[in-house]
Amino acid sequence: MPTITINGCAVEFKQGQSILQAALDQEMEIPHYCYHPGLSVVASCRICLAEVWAPNPKTGKLEPFPKLVPTCQQPATDGMVVYSDSPKAVANQKSVMELLLINHPVDCPVCDKAGECHLQDYSYQYGRGVSRFEEDKIKQPKKDIGPNVLLYSDRCIMCTRCVRFTREVTGTGELMVDGRGSLEQIDVFPGVALANELSANVTDICPVGALLDKDFLFQQRVWYLKRTPSIDGITASGDNVWVEHNDGHIYRVKPRTNPDVNKWWITDEVRYGWKFVHREDRLAMPLVKGEDLADRTQASAAWAAALERINEQMRSLGTVAHKRLALLVSPMLSCEDAFHLASYALAVDPNALLAVGAIPAHGMDKTFAGGFTLYGEKAPNARGVRRVLEALAIGRKVEDFNGFLREVAKPEFGASIITGNYPSEWATPALIEAVRHTFVLLIDTLPSGLTAKADVVLPSVTWTEKAGTFENAKGRLQVFRAAIPSKEFAKSESQIGIELLAEWQVRYPHAFDDAATRAAMVRVPGLEMLAQAHLPANEHERVESDMVMVEL
């Protein structure tokens, strides 16, 4: 591969890459503000200027460019030598930082971007350390520019990333540059709010504290946050995300870069759709009709009583009632959840009816100007659940939701296992009526119309509280990790399936392990592709800070 030398280090690059791209690929830092890999190159911030020497095509001798060049815009060529740490380059960096800080307010202690602000970092790394500016700073207004975003104009450094995002990625063009010189500022066009479906991505790409997320405003300091790699658990997109949390509480969800799926973006729906995880009415303890498990001294006793009641009823299916079992697996569950629950159902009744739960949808798929697609299907794993059930059904038909309603209403069914885990009300009157004559085991996270009708209710966890695998709309299998501890005494559907099966077969239950489960699943014909499920590439990344924490 062709090679350039950056600050004395040899760096390989791909044809067509700029100097800055080559450096970033090798995790070499060249300061930059306006450059973003998902946007056009404008070379306006000028802090990435460097001294560049290139071979003369006639003589082959290294010759310097006559002036500093923007590394974000200059194509890399074989044999090129670049200095971003030379006296000229360093002097430029200090000058750019001094210019940017002339009118910038010194409000880092109250700015939400503190701890992850490039202006803050570069001021320390490349700035002068002392300001020579003695005049009054120009004050710019704070603006409410949309339902999710606030603009602090006096913090803006005019990198124009946000303007380019709305023109090139969403194609909606709500943002513009208004004014000139020191009075220049970002603004929305009159009467047009920043309200597209990807609007809050501008808060991620803003390198300073100018564009802030209203939802995260003054909620938490970023150096306290921990990051866990996850997958969109609300829609069929399979977008890669970071779940950022502290002390068991989620504070925000941000995009995790994956060029093959969502690139650098996520929808506002995914960014803010996790709020049900912390709803106060989350199901927390097992419920058994006719028994008060809340009086039990230990949660384990309540779980034991609930499992005992379930398996008593299941044992009577074939021996006494001569009835069948039906299992409805929600498309909100992981492949591993579907595997363990279906394994239990087939152990109880080898002829059990297996079905995929209702698949929510809202609107049509929408592809934006930059190629990003918003999916109308609002379930993360409908394809994965069906794949697992069909593999275990061995040729028998796996029903959809309507098929389940039609079949389970027949008198031959005596028990039904129903899973929910939807973020909102999902139990339709038709479902409640169809299973009314059966023993109903409901496994869910939130109360619904079916909760009061079920014979046993087992509390489960959301996708942020467990590990597993989702298959997105394009058939891509992706692994996600548990971010926060489970809600009180709730358990994952996989763990519930394991404990039910252990109770049924009189053996010691084990703790659910997603990797071990996938290893077992790949041995099942039809599930071999789970061996190629995509693991998080940078799952150990954390929000880093150089702040020294002192215990008082």
Protein backbone atom coordinates (compact mmCIF):
# COMPACT_ATOMS: atom_id res chain seq x y z
CA MET A 1 0.00 0.00 0.00
CA PRO A 2 1.14 3.59 -0.55
CA THR A 3 2.69 5.27 2.48
CA ILE A 4 3.05 8.79 3.83
CA THR A 5 5.03 10.00 6.82
CA ILE A 6 3.18 12.02 9.45
CA ASN A 7 5.27 13.60 12.22
CA GLY A 8 7.96 10.99 11.68
CA CYS A 9 5.63 7.97 11.62
CA ALA A 10 5.01 5.93 8.48
CA VAL A 11 1.29 5.65 7.72
CA GLU A 12 -0.34 3.46 5.08
CA PHE A 13 -3.38 4.89 3.31
CA LYS A 14 -5.93 4.02 0.65
CA GLN A 15 -5.97 5.79 -2.69
CA GLY A 16 -8.23 8.83 -2.55
CA GLN A 17 -7.89 9.43 1.17
CA SER A 18 -6.91 12.81 2.51
CA ILE A 19 -3.98 13.26 4.86
CA LEU A 20 -6.34 13.72 7.79
CA GLN A 21 -8.31 10.58 6.96
CA ALA A 22 -5.09 8.56 6.76
CA ALA A 23 -3.99 9.91 10.15
CA LEU A 24 -7.36 9.23 11.83
CA ASP A 25 -7.44 5.68 10.48
CA GLN A 26 -4.18 5.07 12.35
CA GLU A 27 -5.48 6.86 15.46
CA MET A 28 -3.02 9.71 14.97
CA GLU A 29 -4.40 13.04 16.06
CA ILE A 30 -4.43 16.10 13.85
CA PRO A 31 -6.73 18.76 15.35
CA HIS A 32 -9.86 19.46 13.32
CA TYR A 33 -13.30 21.01 13.77
CA CYS A 34 -15.16 21.31 10.48
CA TYR A 35 -14.19 17.88 9.13
CA HIS A 36 -16.59 14.98 9.69
CA PRO A 37 -16.34 11.68 7.78
CA GLY A 38 -20.07 11.73 6.98
CA LEU A 39 -20.13 15.25 5.55
CA SER A 40 -18.59 17.20 2.67
CA VAL A 41 -15.16 18.78 3.16
CA VAL A 42 -15.16 22.56 3.42
CA ALA A 43 -11.75 23.19 5.06
CA SER A 44 -13.07 26.25 6.87
CA CYS A 45 -11.82 25.90 10.44
CA ARG A 46 -8.11 25.93 9.37
CA ILE A 47 -6.79 24.29 12.55
CA CYS A 48 -5.73 21.17 10.62
CA LEU A 49 -3.22 23.08 8.47
CA ALA A 50 0.15 21.37 8.28
CA GLU A 51 3.49 21.62 6.50
CA VAL A 52 3.57 19.20 3.61
CA TRP A 53 6.48 17.98 1.49
CA ALA A 54 5.86 15.88 -1.61
CA PRO A 55 8.12 14.20 -4.19
CA ASN A 56 8.58 16.22 -7.38
CA PRO A 57 7.11 14.00 -10.13
CA LYS A 58 10.02 14.90 -12.44
CA THR A 59 13.01 14.60 -10.11
CA GLY A 60 11.59 12.52 -7.27
CA LYS A 61 13.09 15.00 -4.80
CA LEU A 62 11.03 16.07 -1.77
CA GLU A 63 9.89 19.67 -2.11
CA PRO A 64 7.76 21.72 0.32
CA PHE A 65 4.37 23.12 -0.55
CA PRO A 66 4.65 26.93 -0.64
CA LYS A 67 2.22 27.35 2.26
CA LEU A 68 0.45 25.37 4.96
CA VAL A 69 -2.28 23.16 3.51
CA PRO A 70 -5.53 21.84 5.04
CA THR A 71 -4.96 18.14 5.74
CA CYS A 72 -8.69 17.44 5.56
CA GLN A 73 -8.74 18.50 1.91
CA GLN A 74 -5.27 17.61 0.63
CA PRO A 75 -5.15 14.13 -0.97
CA ALA A 76 -2.41 11.87 0.36
CA THR A 77 0.19 10.77 -2.18
CA ASP A 78 2.87 8.11 -1.89
CA GLY A 79 6.08 9.39 -0.32
CA MET A 80 4.52 12.56 1.09
CA VAL A 81 5.95 13.92 4.36
CA VAL A 82 3.63 15.84 6.70
CA TYR A 83 4.40 17.88 9.80
CA SER A 84 1.51 18.97 12.02
CA ASP A 85 3.95 19.61 14.88
CA SER A 86 6.40 21.93 13.09
CA PRO A 87 6.84 25.53 14.35
CA LYS A 88 4.72 26.90 11.48
CA ALA A 89 1.90 24.40 12.05
CA VAL A 90 1.95 24.92 15.82
CA ALA A 91 1.86 28.70 15.40
CA ASN A 92 -1.19 28.33 13.16
CA GLN A 93 -2.94 26.09 15.70
CA LYS A 94 -2.37 28.64 18.46
CA SER A 95 -3.62 31.47 16.24
CA VAL A 96 -6.78 29.58 15.28
CA MET A 97 -7.51 28.72 18.91
CA GLU A 98 -6.95 32.33 19.98
CA LEU A 99 -9.38 33.51 17.28
CA LEU A 100 -12.05 30.99 18.25
CA LEU A 101 -11.83 31.87 21.92
CA ILE A 102 -12.04 35.66 21.45
CA ASN A 103 -15.83 35.76 21.83
CA HIS A 104 -16.36 32.33 23.36
CA PRO A 105 -17.89 32.50 26.86
CA VAL A 106 -15.90 30.93 29.68
CA ASP A 107 -18.79 28.83 30.95
CA CYS A 108 -17.33 25.33 30.85
CA PRO A 109 -18.48 24.62 34.45
CA VAL A 110 -22.14 24.91 33.41
CA CYS A 111 -21.87 23.63 29.83
CA ASP A 112 -23.26 20.15 29.11
CA LYS A 113 -20.47 19.55 26.59
CA ALA A 114 -17.74 19.87 29.22
CA GLY A 115 -15.71 16.69 29.27
CA GLU A 116 -16.32 15.85 25.61
CA CYS A 117 -15.76 19.27 24.02
CA HIS A 118 -13.11 19.57 21.29
CA LEU A 119 -12.72 23.28 21.93
CA GLN A 120 -11.97 22.56 25.57
CA ASP A 121 -9.50 19.80 24.70
CA TYR A 122 -7.76 21.69 21.90
CA SER A 123 -7.51 24.82 24.03
CA TYR A 124 -5.49 22.78 26.48
CA GLN A 125 -3.46 20.92 23.83
CA TYR A 126 -2.93 23.57 21.15
CA GLY A 127 -3.94 26.92 22.65
CA ARG A 128 -1.78 29.69 24.09
CA GLY A 129 -3.01 29.31 27.64
CA VAL A 130 -3.26 33.10 27.98
CA SER A 131 -5.72 35.40 26.22
CA ARG A 132 -4.51 38.70 24.77
CA PHE A 133 -8.07 39.88 24.12
CA GLU A 134 -9.09 42.77 26.39
CA GLU A 135 -12.24 44.08 24.70
CA ASP A 136 -15.81 43.08 25.56
CA LYS A 137 -16.98 39.81 24.09
CA ILE A 138 -19.81 39.87 21.56
CA LYS A 139 -22.91 38.28 23.08
CA GLN A 140 -25.07 36.02 20.94
CA PRO A 141 -28.57 34.77 21.87
CA LYS A 142 -29.69 31.32 23.03
CA LYS A 143 -32.27 29.91 20.62
CA ASP A 144 -34.88 27.18 20.79
CA ILE A 145 -34.58 25.86 17.24
CA GLY A 146 -36.63 22.67 17.47
CA PRO A 147 -38.38 20.17 19.73
CA ASN A 148 -35.13 18.47 20.74
CA VAL A 149 -32.33 21.00 20.25
CA LEU A 150 -31.18 24.24 21.88
CA LEU A 151 -28.65 26.54 20.17
CA TYR A 152 -26.24 28.55 22.31
CA SER A 153 -25.02 30.90 19.58
CA ASP A 154 -22.22 32.50 21.59
CA ARG A 155 -20.50 29.10 21.92
CA CYS A 156 -20.61 28.38 18.18
CA ILE A 157 -17.32 28.26 16.24
CA MET A 158 -19.01 28.21 12.81
CA CYS A 159 -17.71 24.82 11.73
CA THR A 160 -21.03 24.45 9.78
CA ARG A 161 -21.28 20.72 10.45
CA CYS A 162 -24.93 21.13 11.44
CA VAL A 163 -25.79 23.11 8.30
CA ARG A 164 -24.17 20.51 6.06
CA PHE A 165 -25.95 17.71 7.97
CA THR A 166 -29.40 19.14 7.26
CA ARG A 167 -28.52 19.68 3.60
CA GLU A 168 -26.58 16.51 2.81
CA VAL A 169 -27.86 13.83 5.20
CA THR A 170 -31.51 14.66 5.85
CA GLY A 171 -32.04 16.87 2.78
CA THR A 172 -34.38 19.07 4.82
CA GLY A 173 -32.15 22.16 4.98
CA GLU A 174 -33.61 23.83 8.07
CA LEU A 175 -30.30 25.41 9.16
CA MET A 176 -28.35 28.24 7.58
CA VAL A 177 -25.51 30.68 8.27
CA ASP A 178 -26.86 34.15 8.97
CA GLY A 179 -24.75 37.33 8.99
CA ARG A 180 -21.03 37.87 8.35
CA GLY A 181 -17.82 38.31 10.26
CA SER A 182 -17.95 38.35 14.05
CA LEU A 183 -21.76 38.62 13.96
CA GLU A 184 -22.14 35.44 11.93
CA GLN A 185 -24.37 32.81 13.53
CA ILE A 186 -26.28 29.60 12.83
CA ASP A 187 -30.05 29.92 12.62
CA VAL A 188 -33.16 28.25 11.26
CA PHE A 189 -35.01 29.69 8.31
CA PRO A 190 -37.99 31.82 9.37
CA GLY A 191 -40.94 29.66 10.37
CA VAL A 192 -39.01 26.39 9.88
CA ALA A 193 -38.09 24.43 13.02
CA LEU A 194 -35.34 21.81 13.18
CA ALA A 195 -37.85 18.99 13.47
CA ASN A 196 -36.84 16.27 11.02
CA GLU A 197 -36.65 12.63 12.18
CA LEU A 198 -32.83 12.81 12.58
CA SER A 199 -32.65 16.30 14.10
CA ALA A 200 -30.81 15.48 17.33
CA ASN A 201 -27.79 14.13 15.45
CA VAL A 202 -26.60 17.73 15.20
CA THR A 203 -25.91 17.62 18.96
CA ASP A 204 -23.53 14.69 18.40
CA ILE A 205 -21.58 16.25 15.55
CA CYS A 206 -21.30 19.70 17.12
CA PRO A 207 -17.68 19.81 18.36
CA VAL A 208 -18.47 22.40 21.06
CA GLY A 209 -21.39 23.21 23.38
CA ALA A 210 -23.41 25.19 20.85
CA LEU A 211 -26.05 22.59 19.99
CA LEU A 212 -27.37 20.78 23.03
CA ASP A 213 -29.91 18.03 23.58
CA LYS A 214 -32.85 19.35 25.61
CA ASP A 215 -33.48 15.91 27.05
CA PHE A 216 -29.94 15.58 28.46
CA LEU A 217 -29.61 19.21 29.53
CA PHE A 218 -28.17 19.47 33.07
CA GLN A 219 -28.84 15.79 33.74
CA GLN A 220 -25.36 14.33 34.27
CA ARG A 221 -21.67 15.09 33.85
CA VAL A 222 -20.29 12.97 31.03
CA TRP A 223 -17.28 11.79 33.01
CA TYR A 224 -19.63 9.89 35.33
CA LEU A 225 -21.26 8.03 32.45
CA LYS A 226 -20.45 4.47 31.42
CA ARG A 227 -21.01 3.27 27.87
CA THR A 228 -22.41 -0.09 26.80
CA PRO A 229 -22.68 -1.16 23.14
CA SER A 230 -26.22 -2.02 22.14
CA ILE A 231 -28.60 -2.32 19.20
CA ASP A 232 -31.76 -0.36 18.51
CA GLY A 233 -34.38 -2.25 20.54
CA ILE A 234 -37.38 -0.29 19.26
CA THR A 235 -37.40 -0.52 15.45
CA ALA A 236 -36.26 -2.95 12.75
CA SER A 237 -33.29 -0.80 11.74
CA GLY A 238 -30.62 -2.58 13.80
CA ASP A 239 -28.91 0.76 14.39
CA ASN A 240 -25.78 0.49 16.52
CA VAL A 241 -26.02 2.63 19.64
CA TRP A 242 -24.24 3.45 22.88
CA VAL A 243 -26.38 3.23 26.00
CA GLU A 244 -24.85 5.73 28.43
CA HIS A 245 -25.75 5.21 32.04
CA ASN A 246 -24.70 5.73 35.65
CA ASP A 247 -25.76 3.97 38.85
CA GLY A 248 -28.26 1.81 36.98
CA HIS A 249 -30.01 4.74 35.30
CA ILE A 250 -29.93 5.48 31.57
CA TYR A 251 -29.26 9.12 30.74
CA ARG A 252 -28.94 9.08 26.97
CA VAL A 253 -28.60 6.91 23.88
CA LYS A 254 -26.13 7.97 21.20
CA PRO A 255 -25.18 6.54 17.79
CA ARG A 256 -22.35 4.02 17.60
CA THR A 257 -20.49 4.27 14.31
CA ASN A 258 -21.07 1.36 11.94
CA PRO A 259 -20.54 2.10 8.22
CA ASP A 260 -22.49 -1.04 7.25
CA VAL A 261 -25.67 -0.19 9.16
CA ASN A 262 -26.39 3.31 10.43
CA LYS A 263 -23.07 5.05 9.66
CA TRP A 264 -22.87 7.87 12.26
CA TRP A 265 -26.59 8.53 12.79
CA ILE A 266 -29.70 7.36 14.61
CA THR A 267 -33.29 8.57 14.51
CA ASP A 268 -34.79 10.70 17.26
CA GLU A 269 -37.24 7.85 17.79
CA VAL A 270 -34.40 5.54 18.81
CA ARG A 271 -32.57 8.26 20.74
CA TYR A 272 -35.55 9.04 22.99
CA GLY A 273 -37.61 5.85 22.79
CA TRP A 274 -36.00 4.15 25.80
CA LYS A 275 -37.92 6.12 28.46
CA PHE A 276 -40.27 3.23 29.23
CA VAL A 277 -37.30 1.40 30.76
CA HIS A 278 -37.63 3.60 33.85
CA ARG A 279 -41.41 3.76 34.05
CA GLU A 280 -42.61 3.66 37.64
CA ASP A 281 -45.28 1.05 36.88
CA ARG A 282 -42.82 -1.56 35.61
CA LEU A 283 -43.75 -5.11 36.64
CA ALA A 284 -41.38 -6.02 39.46
CA MET A 285 -42.67 -9.20 41.16
CA PRO A 286 -44.39 -12.42 40.02
CA LEU A 287 -48.17 -12.35 40.25
CA VAL A 288 -50.33 -15.45 40.72
CA LYS A 289 -54.10 -15.21 40.52
CA GLY A 290 -55.60 -15.94 43.91
CA GLU A 291 -52.32 -15.62 45.82
CA ASP A 292 -50.60 -12.65 47.43
CA LEU A 293 -46.92 -13.16 46.69
CA ALA A 294 -46.06 -9.69 47.97
CA ASP A 295 -46.29 -11.03 51.53
CA ARG A 296 -43.49 -13.52 50.90
CA THR A 297 -40.34 -12.70 52.85
CA GLN A 298 -38.06 -13.25 49.85
CA ALA A 299 -38.40 -12.66 46.13
CA SER A 300 -36.97 -16.14 45.51
CA ALA A 301 -39.93 -17.62 47.40
CA ALA A 302 -42.35 -15.68 45.22
CA TRP A 303 -40.61 -16.88 42.08
CA ALA A 304 -40.58 -20.47 43.36
CA ALA A 305 -44.31 -20.33 44.06
CA ALA A 306 -45.03 -18.91 40.61
CA LEU A 307 -42.91 -21.52 38.82
CA GLU A 308 -44.48 -24.30 40.83
CA ARG A 309 -47.96 -23.11 39.89
CA ILE A 310 -46.99 -22.91 36.21
CA ASN A 311 -45.56 -26.41 36.04
CA GLU A 312 -48.47 -27.90 37.99
CA GLN A 313 -50.75 -26.55 35.30
CA MET A 314 -48.46 -27.66 32.49
CA ARG A 315 -48.27 -31.23 33.87
CA SER A 316 -52.04 -31.45 33.84
CA LEU A 317 -52.23 -30.52 30.14
CA GLY A 318 -51.47 -33.91 28.67
CA THR A 319 -52.24 -36.22 31.56
CA VAL A 320 -55.55 -34.79 32.77
CA ALA A 321 -57.00 -32.24 30.38
CA HIS A 322 -55.49 -33.65 27.14
CA LYS A 323 -54.99 -30.15 25.86
CA ARG A 324 -52.29 -28.41 23.80
CA LEU A 325 -49.95 -25.56 24.67
CA ALA A 326 -49.56 -22.36 22.63
CA LEU A 327 -46.53 -20.03 22.74
CA LEU A 328 -46.60 -16.45 21.44
CA VAL A 329 -43.09 -14.96 21.22
CA SER A 330 -42.90 -11.20 20.93
CA PRO A 331 -40.73 -9.72 18.13
CA MET A 332 -39.29 -7.43 20.83
CA LEU A 333 -37.39 -10.40 22.31
CA SER A 334 -33.93 -11.63 21.35
CA CYS A 335 -33.12 -14.81 19.44
CA GLU A 336 -31.85 -16.35 22.68
CA ASP A 337 -35.11 -15.53 24.47
CA ALA A 338 -37.11 -17.21 21.71
CA PHE A 339 -34.83 -20.26 21.85
CA HIS A 340 -35.19 -20.87 25.60
CA LEU A 341 -38.93 -20.22 25.74
CA ALA A 342 -39.62 -22.43 22.70
CA SER A 343 -37.39 -25.16 24.14
CA TYR A 344 -39.51 -25.15 27.30
CA ALA A 345 -42.81 -25.12 25.39
CA LEU A 346 -41.74 -28.08 23.23
CA ALA A 347 -40.55 -29.99 26.30
CA VAL A 348 -44.03 -29.58 27.80
CA ASP A 349 -45.88 -30.28 24.55
CA PRO A 350 -43.89 -31.55 21.52
CA ASN A 351 -46.86 -30.49 19.39
CA ALA A 352 -47.05 -26.99 20.87
CA LEU A 353 -48.25 -24.14 18.68
CA LEU A 354 -45.43 -21.63 18.07
CA ALA A 355 -46.23 -18.11 16.88
CA VAL A 356 -44.60 -14.70 16.41
CA GLY A 357 -46.27 -11.84 18.25
CA ALA A 358 -47.81 -8.75 16.71
CA ILE A 359 -45.32 -6.65 14.72
CA PRO A 360 -46.03 -2.95 15.28
CA ALA A 361 -45.69 -0.60 12.31
CA HIS A 362 -46.03 3.13 11.91
CA GLY A 363 -45.89 4.72 8.48
CA MET A 364 -43.69 3.63 5.60
CA ASP A 365 -39.95 3.20 5.29
CA LYS A 366 -38.29 6.53 4.53
CA THR A 367 -34.84 6.99 3.01
CA PHE A 368 -33.17 10.38 3.43
CA ALA A 369 -30.95 12.23 0.99
CA GLY A 370 -27.77 10.84 2.58
CA GLY A 371 -28.95 7.22 2.30
CA PHE A 372 -30.06 6.68 5.90
CA THR A 373 -33.33 4.73 6.18
CA LEU A 374 -36.02 5.11 8.83
CA TYR A 375 -38.05 1.89 9.09
CA GLY A 376 -41.81 1.81 9.59
CA GLU A 377 -41.56 -1.57 11.32
CA LYS A 378 -41.28 -1.01 15.07
CA ALA A 379 -39.92 -4.35 16.27
CA PRO A 380 -36.19 -5.16 16.49
CA ASN A 381 -36.26 -8.92 15.96
CA ALA A 382 -39.31 -10.19 14.09
CA ARG A 383 -37.09 -12.07 11.62
CA GLY A 384 -34.81 -13.50 14.29
CA VAL A 385 -37.71 -14.80 16.38
CA ARG A 386 -39.31 -16.43 13.35
CA ARG A 387 -35.97 -17.94 12.32
CA VAL A 388 -35.53 -19.57 15.75
CA LEU A 389 -39.11 -20.83 16.01
CA GLU A 390 -39.07 -22.33 12.51
CA ALA A 391 -35.79 -24.12 13.27
CA LEU A 392 -37.24 -25.66 16.43
CA ALA A 393 -40.66 -26.42 14.90
CA ILE A 394 -38.96 -28.79 12.41
CA GLY A 395 -41.24 -28.34 9.44
CA ARG A 396 -44.41 -27.37 11.31
CA LYS A 397 -45.94 -24.00 10.54
CA VAL A 398 -45.05 -21.05 12.74
CA GLU A 399 -48.07 -18.77 12.91
CA ASP A 400 -48.17 -15.00 12.81
CA PHE A 401 -50.23 -13.02 15.34
CA ASN A 402 -53.51 -13.37 13.47
CA GLY A 403 -52.89 -17.08 12.98
CA PHE A 404 -52.25 -17.43 16.71
CA LEU A 405 -55.57 -15.72 17.51
CA ARG A 406 -57.37 -18.05 15.14
CA GLU A 407 -55.74 -21.25 16.42
CA VAL A 408 -55.57 -20.62 20.18
CA ALA A 409 -59.31 -19.89 20.30
CA LYS A 410 -59.96 -23.56 19.49
CA PRO A 411 -61.03 -25.73 22.47
CA GLU A 412 -58.06 -28.08 22.03
CA PHE A 413 -55.76 -25.54 23.69
CA GLY A 414 -55.56 -25.53 27.46
CA ALA A 415 -52.62 -23.20 28.17
CA SER A 416 -50.87 -20.30 26.52
CA ILE A 417 -47.54 -18.60 27.18
CA ILE A 418 -47.63 -15.00 25.98
CA THR A 419 -44.73 -12.55 25.91
CA GLY A 420 -44.92 -8.79 25.51
CA ASN A 421 -41.98 -6.45 26.20
CA TYR A 422 -43.51 -3.75 24.00
CA PRO A 423 -42.88 -0.13 25.01
CA SER A 424 -46.61 0.69 25.03
CA GLU A 425 -50.04 -0.95 25.26
CA TRP A 426 -50.17 -3.98 23.00
CA ALA A 427 -52.71 -6.52 24.36
CA THR A 428 -55.69 -6.20 22.04
CA PRO A 429 -59.25 -7.17 23.05
CA ALA A 430 -59.08 -9.90 20.39
CA LEU A 431 -56.04 -11.46 22.10
CA ILE A 432 -57.63 -11.30 25.55
CA GLU A 433 -60.78 -12.94 24.21
CA ALA A 434 -58.88 -15.64 22.27
CA VAL A 435 -56.94 -16.92 25.30
CA ARG A 436 -59.75 -16.45 27.83
CA HIS A 437 -60.49 -20.20 28.07
CA THR A 438 -56.81 -21.16 28.57
CA PHE A 439 -54.39 -21.01 31.49
CA VAL A 440 -52.46 -17.83 30.69
CA LEU A 441 -48.80 -17.32 31.60
CA LEU A 442 -47.86 -13.72 30.75
CA ILE A 443 -44.21 -12.66 30.63
CA ASP A 444 -44.00 -8.89 30.30
CA THR A 445 -42.30 -5.68 31.42
CA LEU A 446 -45.25 -3.25 31.66
CA PRO A 447 -48.85 -3.69 32.81
CA SER A 448 -51.36 -4.15 30.00
CA GLY A 449 -54.94 -5.17 29.46
CA LEU A 450 -53.86 -8.80 29.75
CA THR A 451 -52.12 -8.44 33.12
CA ALA A 452 -55.28 -8.66 35.21
CA LYS A 453 -56.62 -11.54 33.10
CA ALA A 454 -53.50 -13.74 33.28
CA ASP A 455 -53.27 -16.64 35.74
CA VAL A 456 -49.56 -16.02 36.30
CA VAL A 457 -47.54 -12.92 35.43
CA LEU A 458 -43.75 -13.06 35.42
CA PRO A 459 -41.82 -9.75 35.26
CA SER A 460 -39.22 -9.57 32.50
CA VAL A 461 -36.57 -7.02 31.54
CA THR A 462 -36.05 -4.65 28.63
CA TRP A 463 -33.33 -5.04 26.03
CA THR A 464 -31.11 -2.59 27.94
CA GLU A 465 -31.03 -4.98 30.91
CA LYS A 466 -29.97 -8.16 29.12
CA ALA A 467 -27.66 -9.46 26.41
CA GLY A 468 -28.71 -11.15 23.20
CA THR A 469 -28.97 -11.03 19.42
CA PHE A 470 -31.30 -9.11 17.10
CA GLU A 471 -31.83 -9.60 13.36
CA ASN A 472 -32.64 -6.36 11.57
CA ALA A 473 -34.75 -5.65 8.50
CA LYS A 474 -31.85 -6.55 6.21
CA GLY A 475 -31.17 -9.90 7.89
CA ARG A 476 -28.07 -8.76 9.77
CA LEU A 477 -27.58 -10.56 13.10
CA GLN A 478 -26.02 -8.31 15.76
CA VAL A 479 -25.13 -8.92 19.40
CA PHE A 480 -25.93 -6.40 22.14
CA ARG A 481 -24.85 -6.20 25.78
CA ALA A 482 -26.69 -5.58 29.03
CA ALA A 483 -26.23 -1.96 30.08
CA ILE A 484 -27.94 -1.67 33.45
CA PRO A 485 -29.05 -4.09 36.19
CA SER A 486 -32.51 -5.61 35.83
CA LYS A 487 -35.53 -3.97 37.43
CA GLU A 488 -35.80 -5.22 41.01
CA PHE A 489 -36.81 -8.90 40.81
CA ALA A 490 -37.45 -9.10 37.07
CA LYS A 491 -35.57 -11.63 34.91
CA SER A 492 -34.80 -11.97 31.24
CA GLU A 493 -37.06 -14.21 29.17
CA SER A 494 -34.07 -16.48 28.58
CA GLN A 495 -33.52 -16.90 32.32
CA ILE A 496 -37.24 -17.52 32.83
CA GLY A 497 -37.18 -20.18 30.11
CA ILE A 498 -34.12 -21.83 31.69
CA GLU A 499 -35.73 -21.93 35.14
CA LEU A 500 -39.05 -23.22 33.81
CA LEU A 501 -37.28 -25.99 31.91
CA ALA A 502 -35.16 -26.87 34.95
CA GLU A 503 -38.33 -27.09 37.08
CA TRP A 504 -39.99 -29.23 34.42
CA GLN A 505 -37.09 -31.63 34.02
CA VAL A 506 -36.06 -31.56 37.71
CA ARG A 507 -32.56 -30.26 37.28
CA TYR A 508 -30.54 -27.37 38.65
CA PRO A 509 -31.14 -24.14 36.69
CA HIS A 510 -28.11 -22.20 35.48
CA ALA A 511 -27.57 -18.52 34.84
CA PHE A 512 -28.24 -17.36 31.30
CA ASP A 513 -25.15 -16.72 29.19
CA ASP A 514 -25.79 -15.33 25.72
CA ALA A 515 -22.54 -16.62 24.20
CA ALA A 516 -23.12 -20.15 25.52
CA THR A 517 -26.68 -20.05 24.24
CA ARG A 518 -25.55 -19.03 20.74
CA ALA A 519 -22.99 -21.83 20.80
CA ALA A 520 -25.82 -24.28 21.49
CA MET A 521 -28.13 -22.70 18.93
CA VAL A 522 -25.68 -23.01 16.03
CA ARG A 523 -25.88 -26.79 16.41
CA VAL A 524 -29.58 -26.65 15.53
CA PRO A 525 -30.20 -27.01 11.76
CA GLY A 526 -31.35 -23.66 10.43
CA LEU A 527 -29.57 -21.58 13.06
CA GLU A 528 -25.97 -22.03 11.88
CA MET A 529 -25.76 -18.40 10.79
CA LEU A 530 -25.78 -17.28 14.43
CA ALA A 531 -22.11 -18.21 14.46
CA GLN A 532 -21.54 -15.17 12.24
CA ALA A 533 -23.53 -12.74 14.42
CA HIS A 534 -21.73 -9.39 14.49
CA LEU A 535 -20.16 -8.60 17.87
CA PRO A 536 -19.66 -5.00 19.01
CA ALA A 537 -16.33 -3.92 17.52
CA ASN A 538 -15.50 -1.43 20.27
CA GLU A 539 -17.53 -2.76 23.16
CA HIS A 540 -15.01 -1.86 25.85
CA GLU A 541 -14.97 1.85 25.01
CA ARG A 542 -15.86 4.13 27.89
CA VAL A 543 -16.35 7.85 28.32
CA GLU A 544 -12.85 8.88 29.37
CA SER A 545 -11.89 11.92 31.36
CA ASP A 546 -8.56 13.22 32.61
CA MET A 547 -10.26 14.64 35.70
CA VAL A 548 -8.73 13.29 38.91
CA MET A 549 -11.44 12.05 41.27
CA VAL A 550 -10.57 12.58 44.94
CA GLU A 551 -12.52 10.87 47.70
CA LEU A 552 -13.23 13.31 50.51
